[in-house]
N, C-alpha and C. Protein backbone atom coordinates (compact mmCIF):
# COMPACT_ATOMS: atom_id res chain seq x y z
N MET A 1 63.12 -2.81 134.22
CA MET A 1 62.78 -2.51 132.85
C MET A 1 63.77 -3.22 131.93
N SER A 2 63.27 -3.82 130.88
CA SER A 2 64.11 -4.47 129.88
C SER A 2 63.97 -3.75 128.55
N THR A 3 65.10 -3.60 127.86
CA THR A 3 65.11 -2.91 126.57
C THR A 3 65.87 -3.75 125.57
N LEU A 4 65.33 -3.89 124.36
CA LEU A 4 66.00 -4.56 123.26
C LEU A 4 66.21 -3.55 122.15
N VAL A 5 67.46 -3.39 121.72
CA VAL A 5 67.81 -2.42 120.68
C VAL A 5 68.26 -3.19 119.44
N PHE A 6 67.60 -2.94 118.31
CA PHE A 6 68.00 -3.52 117.03
C PHE A 6 69.16 -2.70 116.49
N LEU A 7 70.28 -3.34 116.22
CA LEU A 7 71.47 -2.63 115.74
C LEU A 7 71.61 -2.79 114.23
N GLU A 8 71.61 -1.67 113.55
CA GLU A 8 71.83 -1.68 112.11
C GLU A 8 73.32 -1.74 111.82
N HIS A 9 73.65 -2.36 110.69
CA HIS A 9 75.05 -2.48 110.28
C HIS A 9 75.14 -2.34 108.76
N HIS A 10 76.32 -1.97 108.31
CA HIS A 10 76.57 -1.82 106.87
C HIS A 10 78.05 -2.10 106.62
N GLU A 11 78.30 -2.98 105.68
CA GLU A 11 79.67 -3.33 105.30
C GLU A 11 80.54 -3.69 106.50
N GLY A 12 80.00 -4.51 107.39
CA GLY A 12 80.77 -5.01 108.52
C GLY A 12 80.96 -4.06 109.68
N GLU A 13 80.24 -2.95 109.70
CA GLU A 13 80.35 -1.97 110.79
C GLU A 13 78.98 -1.67 111.35
N LEU A 14 78.90 -1.61 112.68
CA LEU A 14 77.66 -1.16 113.31
C LEU A 14 77.50 0.33 113.06
N GLN A 15 76.27 0.74 112.80
CA GLN A 15 76.00 2.14 112.50
C GLN A 15 76.01 2.99 113.77
N LYS A 16 76.60 4.18 113.65
CA LYS A 16 76.74 5.08 114.80
C LYS A 16 75.40 5.41 115.45
N ASP A 17 74.37 5.63 114.65
CA ASP A 17 73.06 5.98 115.22
C ASP A 17 72.54 4.84 116.10
N SER A 18 72.71 3.61 115.64
CA SER A 18 72.26 2.47 116.43
C SER A 18 73.04 2.35 117.73
N LEU A 19 74.34 2.57 117.66
CA LEU A 19 75.16 2.52 118.87
C LEU A 19 74.80 3.64 119.83
N GLY A 20 74.40 4.80 119.29
CA GLY A 20 73.95 5.90 120.13
C GLY A 20 72.68 5.55 120.88
N VAL A 21 71.75 4.89 120.19
CA VAL A 21 70.51 4.46 120.85
C VAL A 21 70.83 3.43 121.93
N LEU A 22 71.75 2.51 121.64
CA LEU A 22 72.15 1.51 122.62
C LEU A 22 72.77 2.17 123.85
N GLY A 23 73.62 3.15 123.64
CA GLY A 23 74.23 3.86 124.75
C GLY A 23 73.21 4.60 125.60
N LYS A 24 72.24 5.23 124.97
CA LYS A 24 71.18 5.94 125.71
C LYS A 24 70.33 4.95 126.50
N ALA A 25 70.04 3.80 125.91
CA ALA A 25 69.26 2.79 126.62
C ALA A 25 70.01 2.32 127.87
N ALA A 26 71.32 2.15 127.74
CA ALA A 26 72.13 1.73 128.89
C ALA A 26 72.10 2.77 130.00
N LEU A 27 72.06 4.06 129.63
CA LEU A 27 71.99 5.13 130.63
C LEU A 27 70.67 5.11 131.40
N LEU A 28 69.62 4.61 130.77
CA LEU A 28 68.32 4.53 131.44
C LEU A 28 68.31 3.46 132.52
N GLY A 29 69.25 2.53 132.43
CA GLY A 29 69.33 1.45 133.40
C GLY A 29 68.49 0.26 132.99
N GLY A 30 68.45 -0.72 133.83
CA GLY A 30 67.69 -1.92 133.53
C GLY A 30 68.51 -2.88 132.68
N ASP A 31 67.84 -3.90 132.21
CA ASP A 31 68.47 -4.94 131.41
C ASP A 31 68.42 -4.55 129.94
N VAL A 32 69.58 -4.22 129.37
CA VAL A 32 69.65 -3.77 127.98
C VAL A 32 70.28 -4.87 127.14
N SER A 33 69.56 -5.28 126.09
CA SER A 33 70.04 -6.27 125.15
C SER A 33 70.04 -5.68 123.75
N ALA A 34 70.81 -6.30 122.86
CA ALA A 34 70.89 -5.84 121.47
C ALA A 34 70.63 -7.01 120.55
N LEU A 35 70.13 -6.72 119.36
CA LEU A 35 69.90 -7.71 118.33
C LEU A 35 70.64 -7.28 117.07
N ILE A 36 71.46 -8.18 116.54
CA ILE A 36 72.15 -7.96 115.27
C ILE A 36 71.71 -9.07 114.34
N ALA A 37 71.15 -8.71 113.19
CA ALA A 37 70.70 -9.70 112.22
C ALA A 37 71.35 -9.44 110.87
N GLY A 38 71.80 -10.51 110.22
CA GLY A 38 72.40 -10.38 108.90
C GLY A 38 73.28 -11.58 108.61
N SER A 39 74.10 -11.45 107.60
CA SER A 39 75.03 -12.50 107.22
C SER A 39 76.45 -12.05 107.54
N GLY A 40 77.19 -12.88 108.26
CA GLY A 40 78.56 -12.52 108.63
C GLY A 40 78.65 -11.48 109.72
N VAL A 41 77.68 -11.46 110.62
CA VAL A 41 77.63 -10.42 111.65
C VAL A 41 78.08 -10.90 113.03
N GLU A 42 78.47 -12.14 113.15
CA GLU A 42 78.86 -12.72 114.44
C GLU A 42 79.92 -11.86 115.15
N GLY A 43 80.89 -11.36 114.41
CA GLY A 43 81.98 -10.59 114.99
C GLY A 43 81.58 -9.23 115.54
N LEU A 44 80.39 -8.76 115.23
CA LEU A 44 79.95 -7.45 115.71
C LEU A 44 79.41 -7.50 117.15
N ALA A 45 79.17 -8.68 117.67
CA ALA A 45 78.57 -8.81 119.00
C ALA A 45 79.45 -8.20 120.08
N ALA A 46 80.74 -8.42 120.03
CA ALA A 46 81.63 -7.88 121.06
C ALA A 46 81.61 -6.36 121.08
N GLN A 47 81.51 -5.76 119.91
CA GLN A 47 81.46 -4.30 119.82
C GLN A 47 80.20 -3.77 120.50
N ALA A 48 79.09 -4.46 120.32
CA ALA A 48 77.84 -4.03 120.95
C ALA A 48 77.95 -4.08 122.47
N GLY A 49 78.67 -5.06 122.99
CA GLY A 49 78.85 -5.16 124.43
C GLY A 49 79.58 -3.96 125.01
N LYS A 50 80.45 -3.37 124.24
CA LYS A 50 81.21 -2.19 124.70
C LYS A 50 80.32 -0.96 124.85
N TYR A 51 79.14 -0.98 124.22
CA TYR A 51 78.24 0.17 124.28
C TYR A 51 77.09 -0.04 125.26
N GLY A 52 77.19 -1.06 126.12
CA GLY A 52 76.23 -1.20 127.19
C GLY A 52 75.27 -2.36 127.12
N ALA A 53 75.34 -3.17 126.08
CA ALA A 53 74.43 -4.32 126.00
C ALA A 53 74.91 -5.42 126.93
N ARG A 54 74.01 -5.87 127.81
CA ARG A 54 74.36 -7.00 128.69
C ARG A 54 74.31 -8.32 127.94
N LYS A 55 73.37 -8.41 127.00
CA LYS A 55 73.25 -9.58 126.13
C LYS A 55 73.18 -9.08 124.69
N VAL A 56 73.77 -9.85 123.80
CA VAL A 56 73.69 -9.54 122.37
C VAL A 56 73.15 -10.78 121.68
N TYR A 57 72.00 -10.63 121.03
CA TYR A 57 71.41 -11.72 120.27
C TYR A 57 71.87 -11.56 118.82
N VAL A 58 72.37 -12.65 118.25
CA VAL A 58 72.89 -12.61 116.89
C VAL A 58 72.09 -13.58 116.03
N ALA A 59 71.54 -13.09 114.94
CA ALA A 59 70.90 -13.92 113.93
C ALA A 59 71.79 -13.83 112.70
N ASP A 60 72.71 -14.79 112.58
CA ASP A 60 73.70 -14.79 111.51
C ASP A 60 73.36 -15.91 110.54
N ASP A 61 72.86 -15.52 109.38
CA ASP A 61 72.43 -16.51 108.39
C ASP A 61 72.53 -15.89 107.01
N PRO A 62 73.03 -16.63 106.02
CA PRO A 62 73.11 -16.10 104.66
C PRO A 62 71.77 -15.62 104.10
N ALA A 63 70.68 -16.20 104.58
CA ALA A 63 69.35 -15.78 104.12
C ALA A 63 69.03 -14.35 104.54
N LEU A 64 69.77 -13.81 105.51
CA LEU A 64 69.52 -12.46 106.01
C LEU A 64 70.48 -11.43 105.42
N GLU A 65 71.24 -11.83 104.39
CA GLU A 65 72.26 -10.94 103.81
C GLU A 65 71.67 -9.66 103.24
N ALA A 66 70.70 -9.79 102.38
CA ALA A 66 70.09 -8.60 101.76
C ALA A 66 68.60 -8.64 102.05
N PRO A 67 68.12 -7.79 102.95
CA PRO A 67 66.71 -7.83 103.33
C PRO A 67 65.76 -7.60 102.15
N SER A 68 64.71 -8.37 102.11
CA SER A 68 63.63 -8.18 101.14
C SER A 68 62.35 -8.60 101.84
N GLY A 69 61.23 -8.40 101.19
CA GLY A 69 59.96 -8.78 101.80
C GLY A 69 59.91 -10.25 102.15
N ASP A 70 60.46 -11.11 101.29
CA ASP A 70 60.44 -12.55 101.55
C ASP A 70 61.41 -12.93 102.66
N ARG A 71 62.60 -12.37 102.62
CA ARG A 71 63.63 -12.76 103.59
C ARG A 71 63.37 -12.19 104.97
N ALA A 72 62.68 -11.08 105.05
CA ALA A 72 62.42 -10.48 106.35
C ALA A 72 61.57 -11.39 107.23
N SER A 73 60.84 -12.30 106.60
CA SER A 73 60.01 -13.20 107.38
C SER A 73 60.69 -14.55 107.61
N THR A 74 61.98 -14.67 107.24
CA THR A 74 62.70 -15.92 107.46
C THR A 74 62.83 -16.18 108.95
N PRO A 75 62.38 -17.35 109.42
CA PRO A 75 62.50 -17.62 110.86
C PRO A 75 63.95 -17.93 111.23
N PHE A 76 64.32 -17.52 112.42
CA PHE A 76 65.66 -17.82 112.93
C PHE A 76 65.57 -17.91 114.44
N SER A 77 66.56 -18.56 115.03
CA SER A 77 66.59 -18.65 116.48
C SER A 77 67.65 -17.70 117.00
N LEU A 78 67.47 -17.21 118.20
CA LEU A 78 68.37 -16.27 118.81
C LEU A 78 69.02 -16.89 120.02
N ALA A 79 70.32 -16.73 120.12
CA ALA A 79 71.06 -17.19 121.29
C ALA A 79 72.03 -16.09 121.68
N PRO A 80 72.10 -15.72 122.97
CA PRO A 80 73.00 -14.66 123.39
C PRO A 80 74.45 -15.00 123.06
N ARG A 81 75.23 -14.01 122.64
CA ARG A 81 76.62 -14.20 122.27
C ARG A 81 77.59 -13.61 123.29
N CYS A 82 77.14 -12.68 124.11
CA CYS A 82 78.02 -12.14 125.16
C CYS A 82 77.22 -11.65 126.32
């Protein structure tokens, strides 16, 4: 089983609720990955790994800084960071 958890963040910190979901997914077993999207979020990838993500996909782009209807559809590529 593979699971992908979208991690929410605010002001440079991953949100506790998102990390809780990531931890629960890791307890279920299987291949658990996380996705962090935003601007300046590259440094959060290592923290996600501590909560059970085997892979962390980071979409770090200034266009993703403040989500809106237009920006939410901005295409980006994902590459594992850890």
